[in-house]
Protein backbone atom coordinates (compact mmCIF):
# COMPACT_ATOMS: atom_id res chain seq x y z
CA UNK A 1 0.00 0.00 0.00
CA UNK A 2 1.46 3.35 -1.08
CA UNK A 3 0.34 6.64 0.44
CA UNK A 4 1.13 10.17 -0.73
CA UNK A 5 0.13 13.53 0.72
CA UNK A 6 0.29 16.67 -1.41
CA UNK A 7 0.22 19.55 1.06
CA UNK A 8 0.39 23.35 1.16
CA UNK A 9 -1.35 23.36 -2.22
CA UNK A 10 -3.84 25.67 -3.86
CA UNK A 11 -6.51 23.01 -4.39
CA UNK A 12 -9.33 23.64 -6.87
CA UNK A 13 -12.35 21.34 -6.60
CA UNK A 14 -15.81 21.23 -8.16
CA UNK A 15 -17.53 20.06 -4.99
CA UNK A 16 -19.95 23.02 -4.76
CA UNK A 17 -19.33 24.89 -7.97
CA UNK A 18 -15.70 25.97 -8.06
CA UNK A 19 -14.14 25.78 -4.62
CA UNK A 20 -10.59 26.97 -3.96
CA UNK A 21 -8.72 25.85 -0.85
CA UNK A 22 -5.69 28.13 -0.55
CA UNK A 23 -3.57 25.93 1.73
CA UNK A 24 -5.16 22.58 1.06
CA UNK A 25 -4.03 19.01 0.83
CA UNK A 26 -4.79 15.91 -1.21
CA UNK A 27 -4.28 12.42 0.24
CA UNK A 28 -3.72 9.54 -2.17
CA UNK A 29 -3.71 5.84 -1.29
CA UNK A 30 -2.80 3.22 -3.90
CA UNK A 31 -3.30 5.68 -6.76
CA UNK A 32 -6.77 6.83 -5.67
CA UNK A 33 -7.76 10.11 -4.06
CA UNK A 34 -8.83 9.37 -0.50
CA UNK A 35 -9.23 12.83 0.99
CA UNK A 36 -9.22 16.53 -0.03
CA UNK A 37 -9.37 19.48 2.35
CA UNK A 38 -7.53 21.56 4.92
CA UNK A 39 -5.49 20.45 7.93
CA UNK A 40 -4.78 16.85 6.95
CA UNK A 41 -4.73 14.19 9.63
CA UNK A 42 -3.13 11.68 7.27
CA UNK A 43 0.14 9.84 7.72
CA UNK A 44 1.81 9.18 4.37
CA UNK A 45 4.92 7.42 3.15
CA UNK A 46 5.59 10.26 0.71
CA UNK A 47 4.88 13.96 1.19
CA UNK A 48 4.97 16.55 -1.57
CA UNK A 49 5.16 20.27 -0.76
CA UNK A 50 3.19 21.84 -3.60
CA UNK A 51 4.35 25.06 -5.22
CA UNK A 52 3.24 26.65 -8.45
CA UNK A 53 0.14 25.64 -10.43
CA UNK A 54 -3.05 24.66 -8.58
CA UNK A 55 -3.84 21.04 -7.79
CA UNK A 56 -7.12 19.87 -9.35
CA UNK A 57 -8.02 16.44 -7.97
CA UNK A 58 -10.61 14.41 -9.84
CA UNK A 59 -11.93 15.81 -13.12
CA UNK A 60 -9.52 17.57 -15.42
CA UNK A 61 -12.12 20.01 -16.75
CA UNK A 62 -14.67 20.86 -14.06
CA UNK A 63 -16.74 23.43 -15.95
CA UNK A 64 -19.38 22.66 -18.56
CA UNK A 65 -18.88 23.91 -22.12
CA UNK A 66 -21.13 26.73 -23.33
CA UNK A 67 -24.29 25.55 -25.04
PDB file of N, CA and C in Angstrom:
ATOM      1  N   UNK A   1       0.840  -1.171   0.000  1.00  0.00           N
ATOM      2  CA  UNK A   1       0.000   0.000   0.000  1.00  0.00           C
ATOM      3  C   UNK A   1       0.892   1.244   0.000  1.00  0.00           C
ATOM      4  N   UNK A   2       0.685   2.124  -0.967  1.00  0.00           N
ATOM      5  CA  UNK A   2       1.461   3.347  -1.085  1.00  0.00           C
ATOM      6  C   UNK A   2       0.580   4.537  -0.745  1.00  0.00           C
ATOM      7  N   UNK A   3       1.088   5.440   0.086  1.00  0.00           N
ATOM      8  CA  UNK A   3       0.341   6.641   0.440  1.00  0.00           C
ATOM      9  C   UNK A   3       1.159   7.880   0.137  1.00  0.00           C
ATOM     10  N   UNK A   4       0.489   8.896  -0.386  1.00  0.00           N
ATOM     11  CA  UNK A   4       1.130  10.166  -0.726  1.00  0.00           C
ATOM     12  C   UNK A   4       0.250  11.301  -0.242  1.00  0.00           C
ATOM     13  N   UNK A   5       0.858  12.335   0.301  1.00  0.00           N
ATOM     14  CA  UNK A   5       0.135  13.530   0.725  1.00  0.00           C
ATOM     15  C   UNK A   5       0.726  14.735   0.003  1.00  0.00           C
ATOM     16  N   UNK A   6      -0.100  15.398  -0.775  1.00  0.00           N
ATOM     17  CA  UNK A   6       0.289  16.668  -1.411  1.00  0.00           C
ATOM     18  C   UNK A   6      -0.233  17.759  -0.483  1.00  0.00           C
ATOM     19  N   UNK A   7       0.658  18.569   0.064  1.00  0.00           N
ATOM     20  CA  UNK A   7       0.221  19.549   1.057  1.00  0.00           C
ATOM     21  C   UNK A   7       0.671  20.958   0.691  1.00  0.00           C
ATOM     22  N   UNK A   8       0.114  21.930   1.405  1.00  0.00           N
ATOM     23  CA  UNK A   8       0.386  23.353   1.155  1.00  0.00           C
ATOM     24  C   UNK A   8       0.091  23.711  -0.292  1.00  0.00           C
ATOM     25  N   UNK A   9      -0.994  23.160  -0.814  1.00  0.00           N
ATOM     26  CA  UNK A   9      -1.349  23.357  -2.218  1.00  0.00           C
ATOM     27  C   UNK A   9      -2.541  24.290  -2.352  1.00  0.00           C
ATOM     28  N   UNK A  10      -2.627  24.949  -3.484  1.00  0.00           N
ATOM     29  CA  UNK A  10      -3.838  25.673  -3.859  1.00  0.00           C
ATOM     30  C   UNK A  10      -4.697  24.641  -4.581  1.00  0.00           C
ATOM     31  N   UNK A  11      -5.696  24.109  -3.875  1.00  0.00           N
ATOM     32  CA  UNK A  11      -6.508  23.012  -4.391  1.00  0.00           C
ATOM     33  C   UNK A  11      -7.806  23.578  -4.968  1.00  0.00           C
ATOM     34  N   UNK A  12      -8.099  23.208  -6.200  1.00  0.00           N
ATOM     35  CA  UNK A  12      -9.331  23.642  -6.865  1.00  0.00           C
ATOM     36  C   UNK A  12     -10.217  22.416  -7.058  1.00  0.00           C
ATOM     37  N   UNK A  13     -11.421  22.462  -6.474  1.00  0.00           N
ATOM     38  CA  UNK A  13     -12.353  21.344  -6.601  1.00  0.00           C
ATOM     39  C   UNK A  13     -13.650  21.836  -7.236  1.00  0.00           C
ATOM     40  N   UNK A  14     -14.489  20.910  -7.597  1.00  0.00           N
ATOM     41  CA  UNK A  14     -15.808  21.229  -8.161  1.00  0.00           C
ATOM     42  C   UNK A  14     -16.893  20.696  -7.239  1.00  0.00           C
ATOM     43  N   UNK A  15     -16.592  20.629  -5.968  1.00  0.00           N
ATOM     44  CA  UNK A  15     -17.529  20.059  -4.995  1.00  0.00           C
ATOM     45  C   UNK A  15     -18.838  20.842  -4.948  1.00  0.00           C
ATOM     46  N   UNK A  16     -18.765  22.141  -4.813  1.00  0.00           N
ATOM     47  CA  UNK A  16     -19.950  23.016  -4.756  1.00  0.00           C
ATOM     48  C   UNK A  16     -19.697  24.173  -5.720  1.00  0.00           C
ATOM     49  N   UNK A  17     -19.788  23.906  -6.996  1.00  0.00           N
ATOM     50  CA  UNK A  17     -19.333  24.891  -7.971  1.00  0.00           C
ATOM     51  C   UNK A  17     -17.816  24.829  -7.969  1.00  0.00           C
ATOM     52  N   UNK A  18     -17.166  25.937  -8.130  1.00  0.00           N
ATOM     53  CA  UNK A  18     -15.699  25.969  -8.064  1.00  0.00           C
ATOM     54  C   UNK A  18     -15.293  26.379  -6.664  1.00  0.00           C
ATOM     55  N   UNK A  19     -14.610  25.496  -5.975  1.00  0.00           N
ATOM     56  CA  UNK A  19     -14.137  25.775  -4.624  1.00  0.00           C
ATOM     57  C   UNK A  19     -12.619  25.823  -4.657  1.00  0.00           C
ATOM     58  N   UNK A  20     -12.045  26.837  -4.028  1.00  0.00           N
ATOM     59  CA  UNK A  20     -10.589  26.967  -3.956  1.00  0.00           C
ATOM     60  C   UNK A  20     -10.169  26.911  -2.496  1.00  0.00           C
ATOM     61  N   UNK A  21      -9.285  25.974  -2.189  1.00  0.00           N
ATOM     62  CA  UNK A  21      -8.724  25.849  -0.848  1.00  0.00           C
ATOM     63  C   UNK A  21      -7.282  26.339  -0.946  1.00  0.00           C
ATOM     64  N   UNK A  22      -7.004  27.496  -0.365  1.00  0.00           N
ATOM     65  CA  UNK A  22      -5.693  28.135  -0.554  1.00  0.00           C
ATOM     66  C   UNK A  22      -4.524  27.323   0.001  1.00  0.00           C
ATOM     67  N   UNK A  23      -4.648  26.747   1.159  1.00  0.00           N
ATOM     68  CA  UNK A  23      -3.566  25.928   1.732  1.00  0.00           C
ATOM     69  C   UNK A  23      -4.126  24.543   2.019  1.00  0.00           C
ATOM     70  N   UNK A  24      -4.498  23.870   0.950  1.00  0.00           N
ATOM     71  CA  UNK A  24      -5.157  22.578   1.063  1.00  0.00           C
ATOM     72  C   UNK A  24      -4.204  21.416   0.914  1.00  0.00           C
ATOM     73  N   UNK A  25      -4.803  20.240   0.958  1.00  0.00           N
ATOM     74  CA  UNK A  25      -4.027  19.007   0.832  1.00  0.00           C
ATOM     75  C   UNK A  25      -4.864  17.959   0.105  1.00  0.00           C
ATOM     76  N   UNK A  26      -4.155  17.037  -0.530  1.00  0.00           N
ATOM     77  CA  UNK A  26      -4.791  15.908  -1.211  1.00  0.00           C
ATOM     78  C   UNK A  26      -4.074  14.642  -0.745  1.00  0.00           C
ATOM     79  N   UNK A  27      -4.840  13.690  -0.204  1.00  0.00           N
ATOM     80  CA  UNK A  27      -4.276  12.422   0.240  1.00  0.00           C
ATOM     81  C   UNK A  27      -4.598  11.350  -0.795  1.00  0.00           C
ATOM     82  N   UNK A  28      -3.580  10.573  -1.148  1.00  0.00           N
ATOM     83  CA  UNK A  28      -3.715   9.536  -2.173  1.00  0.00           C
ATOM     84  C   UNK A  28      -3.245   8.212  -1.582  1.00  0.00           C
ATOM     85  N   UNK A  29      -4.079   7.180  -1.749  1.00  0.00           N
ATOM     86  CA  UNK A  29      -3.710   5.839  -1.288  1.00  0.00           C
ATOM     87  C   UNK A  29      -3.868   4.886  -2.462  1.00  0.00           C
ATOM     88  N   UNK A  30      -2.803   4.195  -2.799  1.00  0.00           N
ATOM     89  CA  UNK A  30      -2.803   3.221  -3.903  1.00  0.00           C
ATOM     90  C   UNK A  30      -3.339   3.818  -5.200  1.00  0.00           C
ATOM     91  N   UNK A  31      -2.940   5.058  -5.497  1.00  0.00           N
ATOM     92  CA  UNK A  31      -3.299   5.682  -6.763  1.00  0.00           C
ATOM     93  C   UNK A  31      -4.697   6.282  -6.815  1.00  0.00           C
ATOM     94  N   UNK A  32      -5.409   6.271  -5.697  1.00  0.00           N
ATOM     95  CA  UNK A  32      -6.769   6.825  -5.666  1.00  0.00           C
ATOM     96  C   UNK A  32      -6.848   7.949  -4.637  1.00  0.00           C
ATOM     97  N   UNK A  33      -7.575   8.996  -4.979  1.00  0.00           N
ATOM     98  CA  UNK A  33      -7.760  10.108  -4.062  1.00  0.00           C
ATOM     99  C   UNK A  33      -8.623   9.629  -2.902  1.00  0.00           C
ATOM    100  N   UNK A  34      -8.100   9.807  -1.691  1.00  0.00           N
ATOM    101  CA  UNK A  34      -8.827   9.369  -0.504  1.00  0.00           C
ATOM    102  C   UNK A  34      -9.422  10.539   0.265  1.00  0.00           C
ATOM    103  N   UNK A  35      -8.787  11.702   0.186  1.00  0.00           N
ATOM    104  CA  UNK A  35      -9.231  12.833   0.992  1.00  0.00           C
ATOM    105  C   UNK A  35      -8.751  14.129   0.358  1.00  0.00           C
ATOM    106  N   UNK A  36      -9.579  15.189   0.439  1.00  0.00           N
ATOM    107  CA  UNK A  36      -9.220  16.527  -0.028  1.00  0.00           C
ATOM    108  C   UNK A  36      -9.732  17.518   1.008  1.00  0.00           C
ATOM    109  N   UNK A  37      -8.905  18.477   1.398  1.00  0.00           N
ATOM    110  CA  UNK A  37      -9.371  19.480   2.354  1.00  0.00           C
ATOM    111  C   UNK A  37      -8.235  20.252   2.985  1.00  0.00           C
ATOM    112  N   UNK A  38      -8.521  20.809   4.161  1.00  0.00           N
ATOM    113  CA  UNK A  38      -7.530  21.563   4.921  1.00  0.00           C
ATOM    114  C   UNK A  38      -7.111  20.740   6.145  1.00  0.00           C
ATOM    115  N   UNK A  39      -5.974  21.065   6.699  1.00  0.00           N
ATOM    116  CA  UNK A  39      -5.485  20.452   7.934  1.00  0.00           C
ATOM    117  C   UNK A  39      -5.540  18.922   7.900  1.00  0.00           C
ATOM    118  N   UNK A  40      -4.712  18.316   7.077  1.00  0.00           N
ATOM    119  CA  UNK A  40      -4.777  16.850   6.954  1.00  0.00           C
ATOM    120  C   UNK A  40      -4.349  16.126   8.223  1.00  0.00           C
ATOM    121  N   UNK A  41      -5.090  15.095   8.557  1.00  0.00           N
ATOM    122  CA  UNK A  41      -4.729  14.187   9.635  1.00  0.00           C
ATOM    123  C   UNK A  41      -4.460  12.838   8.955  1.00  0.00           C
ATOM    124  N   UNK A  42      -3.410  12.804   8.145  1.00  0.00           N
ATOM    125  CA  UNK A  42      -3.134  11.676   7.269  1.00  0.00           C
ATOM    126  C   UNK A  42      -1.641  11.396   7.290  1.00  0.00           C
ATOM    127  N   UNK A  43      -1.266  10.221   7.737  1.00  0.00           N
ATOM    128  CA  UNK A  43       0.142   9.836   7.722  1.00  0.00           C
ATOM    129  C   UNK A  43       0.448   9.188   6.380  1.00  0.00           C
ATOM    130  N   UNK A  44       1.484   9.673   5.715  1.00  0.00           N
ATOM    131  CA  UNK A  44       1.809   9.185   4.374  1.00  0.00           C
ATOM    132  C   UNK A  44       3.273   8.790   4.281  1.00  0.00           C
ATOM    133  N   UNK A  45       3.536   7.825   3.410  1.00  0.00           N
ATOM    134  CA  UNK A  45       4.918   7.416   3.150  1.00  0.00           C
ATOM    135  C   UNK A  45       5.685   8.501   2.403  1.00  0.00           C
ATOM    136  N   UNK A  46       4.976   9.209   1.528  1.00  0.00           N
ATOM    137  CA  UNK A  46       5.586  10.257   0.714  1.00  0.00           C
ATOM    138  C   UNK A  46       4.799  11.554   0.918  1.00  0.00           C
ATOM    139  N   UNK A  47       5.521  12.647   1.096  1.00  0.00           N
ATOM    140  CA  UNK A  47       4.879  13.957   1.190  1.00  0.00           C
ATOM    141  C   UNK A  47       5.458  14.864   0.122  1.00  0.00           C
ATOM    142  N   UNK A  48       4.581  15.613  -0.521  1.00  0.00           N
ATOM    143  CA  UNK A  48       4.975  16.548  -1.568  1.00  0.00           C
ATOM    144  C   UNK A  48       4.539  17.934  -1.132  1.00  0.00           C
ATOM    145  N   UNK A  49       5.481  18.876  -1.056  1.00  0.00           N
ATOM    146  CA  UNK A  49       5.156  20.269  -0.761  1.00  0.00           C
ATOM    147  C   UNK A  49       4.864  20.946  -2.096  1.00  0.00           C
ATOM    148  N   UNK A  50       3.616  21.291  -2.308  1.00  0.00           N
ATOM    149  CA  UNK A  50       3.193  21.844  -3.603  1.00  0.00           C
ATOM    150  C   UNK A  50       3.567  23.318  -3.714  1.00  0.00           C
ATOM    151  N   UNK A  51       4.032  23.675  -4.873  1.00  0.00           N
ATOM    152  CA  UNK A  51       4.349  25.065  -5.215  1.00  0.00           C
ATOM    153  C   UNK A  51       3.999  25.242  -6.680  1.00  0.00           C
ATOM    154  N   UNK A  52       3.506  26.413  -7.038  1.00  0.00           N
ATOM    155  CA  UNK A  52       3.238  26.654  -8.451  1.00  0.00           C
ATOM    156  C   UNK A  52       1.779  26.480  -8.823  1.00  0.00           C
ATOM    157  N   UNK A  53       1.510  25.754  -9.915  1.00  0.00           N
ATOM    158  CA  UNK A  53       0.143  25.636 -10.425  1.00  0.00           C
ATOM    159  C   UNK A  53      -0.797  24.984  -9.408  1.00  0.00           C
ATOM    160  N   UNK A  54      -2.089  25.271  -9.502  1.00  0.00           N
ATOM    161  CA  UNK A  54      -3.049  24.660  -8.580  1.00  0.00           C
ATOM    162  C   UNK A  54      -3.162  23.154  -8.793  1.00  0.00           C
ATOM    163  N   UNK A  55      -3.571  22.477  -7.736  1.00  0.00           N
ATOM    164  CA  UNK A  55      -3.837  21.044  -7.792  1.00  0.00           C
ATOM    165  C   UNK A  55      -5.334  20.883  -8.040  1.00  0.00           C
ATOM    166  N   UNK A  56      -5.706  20.100  -9.042  1.00  0.00           N
ATOM    167  CA  UNK A  56      -7.116  19.873  -9.354  1.00  0.00           C
ATOM    168  C   UNK A  56      -7.400  18.377  -9.285  1.00  0.00           C
ATOM    169  N   UNK A  57      -7.749  17.871  -8.091  1.00  0.00           N
ATOM    170  CA  UNK A  57      -8.020  16.438  -7.966  1.00  0.00           C
ATOM    171  C   UNK A  57      -9.325  16.067  -8.665  1.00  0.00           C
ATOM    172  N   UNK A  58      -9.374  14.876  -9.197  1.00  0.00           N
ATOM    173  CA  UNK A  58     -10.608  14.410  -9.844  1.00  0.00           C
ATOM    174  C   UNK A  58     -10.663  14.825 -11.292  1.00  0.00           C
ATOM    175  N   UNK A  59     -11.757  15.480 -11.699  1.00  0.00           N
ATOM    176  CA  UNK A  59     -11.930  15.807 -13.118  1.00  0.00           C
ATOM    177  C   UNK A  59     -10.896  16.815 -13.603  1.00  0.00           C
ATOM    178  N   UNK A  60     -10.485  16.644 -14.835  1.00  0.00           N
ATOM    179  CA  UNK A  60      -9.521  17.568 -15.425  1.00  0.00           C
ATOM    180  C   UNK A  60     -10.196  18.882 -15.777  1.00  0.00           C
ATOM    181  N   UNK A  61     -11.387  18.811 -16.340  1.00  0.00           N
ATOM    182  CA  UNK A  61     -12.122  20.008 -16.754  1.00  0.00           C
ATOM    183  C   UNK A  61     -13.421  20.033 -15.963  1.00  0.00           C
ATOM    184  N   UNK A  62     -13.510  20.901 -14.946  1.00  0.00           N
ATOM    185  CA  UNK A  62     -14.668  20.863 -14.064  1.00  0.00           C
ATOM    186  C   UNK A  62     -15.703  21.938 -14.399  1.00  0.00           C
ATOM    187  N   UNK A  63     -15.671  22.506 -15.564  1.00  0.00           N
ATOM    188  CA  UNK A  63     -16.742  23.431 -15.954  1.00  0.00           C
ATOM    189  C   UNK A  63     -17.389  22.960 -17.239  1.00  0.00           C
ATOM    190  N   UNK A  64     -18.704  23.124 -17.337  1.00  0.00           N
ATOM    191  CA  UNK A  64     -19.382  22.661 -18.558  1.00  0.00           C
ATOM    192  C   UNK A  64     -19.108  23.585 -19.741  1.00  0.00           C
ATOM    193  N   UNK A  65     -19.097  23.047 -20.937  1.00  0.00           N
ATOM    194  CA  UNK A  65     -18.877  23.908 -22.122  1.00  0.00           C
ATOM    195  C   UNK A  65     -20.122  24.751 -22.367  1.00  0.00           C
ATOM    196  N   UNK A  66     -19.953  25.906 -23.007  1.00  0.00           N
ATOM    197  CA  UNK A  66     -21.129  26.733 -23.325  1.00  0.00           C
ATOM    198  C   UNK A  66     -22.044  26.000 -24.307  1.00  0.00           C
ATOM    199  N   UNK A  67     -23.329  26.212 -24.146  1.00  0.00           N
ATOM    200  CA  UNK A  67     -24.292  25.551 -25.037  1.00  0.00           C
ATOM    201  C   UNK A  67     -24.721  26.513 -26.119  1.00  0.00           C
TER     202      UNK A  67
END
